[in-house]
Amino acid sequence: MIRVQLEDFDIGLELKKLSSGNLGIGGISSFVGLVRDFVGVEKIKGMTLEYYPGMTEKALTAIEREAHKHWALESTLIIHRYGSLKPGDQIVLVCASSAHRKSAIEACHFLIDWLKTKAPFWKCEELPNGSEWVKARDLDIEQTMKWTTRD
């Protein structure tokens, strides 16, 4: 399931909904991304996230489909927020459920790695001396590449 939304989410409620009625689920792995209050040594006042409706959901669906190709998953969930966020706010929730923990953990790791580099979101950090658009980091690209070169 994919959701791109302005409003915050309740992690506990989302996990409960993900597993409700499915007794074949043996584990759920999740990742929650938060807005930090710094970038390097600079303080961040906030962050604005933008996305392209339709295109973003299509990219997230493709990422989700790819995870289901590689792991035996019961379900997945990607919630990504947009709009103005402050330090400490939740940005993203990624979950994968399966009968066994290994598949859930690996798929969750894959989903967040691919989301960071392949999902069309644009982030602008509000710094003390103005704002700056966030560029892709080499480390994020390397993390994504490891999934394409694995055995």
Protein backbone atom coordinates (compact mmCIF):
# COMPACT_ATOMS: atom_id res chain seq x y z
CA MET A 1 0.00 0.00 0.00
CA ILE A 2 1.25 3.46 -0.93
CA ARG A 3 0.17 6.78 0.58
CA VAL A 4 1.58 10.25 -0.03
CA GLN A 5 -0.02 12.60 2.45
CA LEU A 6 0.19 15.95 4.18
CA GLU A 7 -0.94 14.73 7.60
CA ASP A 8 1.12 12.85 10.17
CA PHE A 9 0.69 9.12 10.76
CA ASP A 10 0.35 6.90 13.83
CA ILE A 11 3.01 4.17 13.65
CA GLY A 12 1.24 1.81 16.05
CA LEU A 13 -2.07 2.11 14.23
CA GLU A 14 -0.42 1.57 10.84
CA LEU A 15 1.41 -1.57 12.05
CA LYS A 16 -1.81 -2.93 13.52
CA LYS A 17 -3.71 -2.32 10.26
CA LEU A 18 -0.90 -3.96 8.28
CA SER A 19 -1.17 -7.24 10.19
CA SER A 20 -4.88 -7.23 11.05
CA GLY A 21 -6.58 -10.48 10.11
CA ASN A 22 -3.45 -12.13 8.68
CA LEU A 23 -2.19 -14.82 11.04
CA GLY A 24 0.45 -15.86 8.48
CA ILE A 25 2.54 -12.83 9.36
CA GLY A 26 5.43 -13.80 11.61
CA GLY A 27 7.17 -10.44 11.58
CA ILE A 28 6.96 -6.83 10.50
CA SER A 29 10.03 -4.73 9.89
CA SER A 30 9.62 -0.98 9.84
CA PHE A 31 11.61 2.18 9.33
CA VAL A 32 10.53 5.67 10.37
CA GLY A 33 12.36 8.69 8.96
CA LEU A 34 12.39 11.92 10.97
CA VAL A 35 13.40 15.50 10.24
CA ARG A 36 16.74 16.20 11.91
CA ASP A 37 17.58 19.58 13.39
CA PHE A 38 20.94 19.79 11.62
CA VAL A 39 22.70 19.21 8.31
CA GLY A 40 26.45 18.98 8.76
CA VAL A 41 27.13 21.67 11.35
CA GLU A 42 24.20 23.92 10.39
CA LYS A 43 20.91 24.01 12.26
CA ILE A 44 17.74 23.32 10.29
CA LYS A 45 14.61 25.32 11.04
CA GLY A 46 12.46 23.02 8.93
CA MET A 47 12.07 21.26 5.64
CA THR A 48 9.62 21.48 2.77
CA LEU A 49 8.92 18.36 0.74
CA GLU A 50 7.37 18.56 -2.70
CA TYR A 51 6.25 15.82 -5.06
CA TYR A 52 4.60 15.35 -8.42
CA PRO A 53 1.16 13.73 -7.92
CA GLY A 54 0.72 10.65 -10.04
CA MET A 55 4.38 10.31 -10.98
CA THR A 56 5.48 9.84 -7.38
CA GLU A 57 2.86 7.22 -6.59
CA LYS A 58 3.75 5.37 -9.80
CA ALA A 59 7.44 5.29 -8.79
CA LEU A 60 6.59 4.11 -5.26
CA THR A 61 4.36 1.38 -6.66
CA ALA A 62 7.21 0.17 -8.90
CA ILE A 63 9.56 0.09 -5.89
CA GLU A 64 6.99 -1.83 -3.87
CA ARG A 65 6.46 -4.30 -6.75
CA GLU A 66 10.22 -4.87 -6.98
CA ALA A 67 10.35 -5.81 -3.29
CA HIS A 68 7.55 -8.33 -3.76
CA LYS A 69 9.51 -9.92 -6.64
CA HIS A 70 12.54 -10.60 -4.44
CA TRP A 71 11.03 -11.55 -1.07
CA ALA A 72 8.08 -13.64 0.09
CA LEU A 73 6.09 -10.80 1.61
CA GLU A 74 2.60 -10.73 3.04
CA SER A 75 2.28 -6.96 2.72
CA THR A 76 4.15 -3.69 2.42
CA LEU A 77 3.38 -0.12 3.36
CA ILE A 78 5.00 3.13 2.28
CA ILE A 79 3.70 6.40 3.71
CA HIS A 80 5.58 9.54 2.70
CA ARG A 81 4.61 13.01 3.81
CA TYR A 82 4.91 16.27 1.92
CA GLY A 83 4.57 19.93 2.88
CA SER A 84 6.30 21.92 5.62
CA LEU A 85 7.85 19.84 8.39
CA LYS A 86 9.79 20.79 11.52
CA PRO A 87 12.65 19.00 13.29
CA GLY A 88 11.32 15.89 15.02
CA ASP A 89 8.40 15.47 12.59
CA GLN A 90 7.91 12.10 10.92
CA ILE A 91 8.61 12.09 7.17
CA VAL A 92 8.30 8.48 6.06
CA LEU A 93 7.12 5.09 7.26
CA VAL A 94 8.20 1.95 5.41
CA CYS A 95 7.02 -1.51 6.51
CA ALA A 96 7.32 -5.02 5.19
CA SER A 97 5.61 -8.07 6.65
CA SER A 98 6.31 -11.73 6.00
CA ALA A 99 6.08 -15.16 7.56
CA HIS A 100 9.75 -14.91 8.57
CA ARG A 101 11.82 -12.01 9.87
CA LYS A 102 14.66 -12.20 7.33
CA SER A 103 12.41 -11.41 4.37
CA ALA A 104 10.68 -8.58 6.25
CA ILE A 105 13.96 -7.01 7.39
CA GLU A 106 15.70 -7.25 4.02
CA ALA A 107 12.68 -5.98 2.11
CA CYS A 108 12.26 -3.01 4.47
CA HIS A 109 15.94 -2.13 4.01
CA PHE A 110 15.56 -2.40 0.23
CA LEU A 111 12.40 -0.28 0.20
CA ILE A 112 13.92 2.64 2.10
CA ASP A 113 17.17 2.51 0.10
CA TRP A 114 15.32 2.63 -3.21
CA LEU A 115 12.86 5.22 -1.97
CA LYS A 116 15.75 7.58 -1.09
CA THR A 117 17.09 7.60 -4.67
CA LYS A 118 14.31 6.51 -7.01
CA ALA A 119 11.18 8.24 -5.67
CA PRO A 120 10.56 11.74 -7.04
CA PHE A 121 10.46 13.89 -3.91
CA TRP A 122 12.20 17.25 -3.64
CA LYS A 123 13.41 18.47 -0.27
CA CYS A 124 14.27 22.05 0.60
CA GLU A 125 15.97 22.64 3.96
CA GLU A 126 15.33 25.90 5.77
CA LEU A 127 18.69 27.02 7.17
CA PRO A 128 19.52 30.07 9.32
CA ASN A 129 20.80 31.97 6.26
CA GLY A 130 18.20 30.92 3.70
CA SER A 131 17.08 27.68 2.14
CA GLU A 132 18.80 24.99 0.12
CA TRP A 133 17.52 22.14 -2.06
CA VAL A 134 18.84 18.75 -0.97
CA LYS A 135 20.98 16.94 -3.53
CA ALA A 136 21.35 13.17 -3.81
CA ARG A 137 24.14 11.87 -1.57
CA ASP A 138 26.76 9.45 -2.85
CA LEU A 139 26.13 7.17 0.14
CA ASP A 140 22.42 6.89 -0.72
CA ILE A 141 23.29 6.02 -4.32
CA GLU A 142 25.81 3.39 -3.15
CA GLN A 143 23.20 1.85 -0.84
CA THR A 144 20.78 1.55 -3.77
CA MET A 145 23.42 0.07 -6.06
CA LYS A 146 24.15 -2.79 -3.68
CA TRP A 147 20.64 -4.13 -4.33
CA THR A 148 21.20 -4.21 -8.09
CA THR A 149 24.52 -6.07 -7.82
CA ARG A 150 23.59 -8.66 -5.20
CA ASP A 151 23.55 -12.37 -5.97
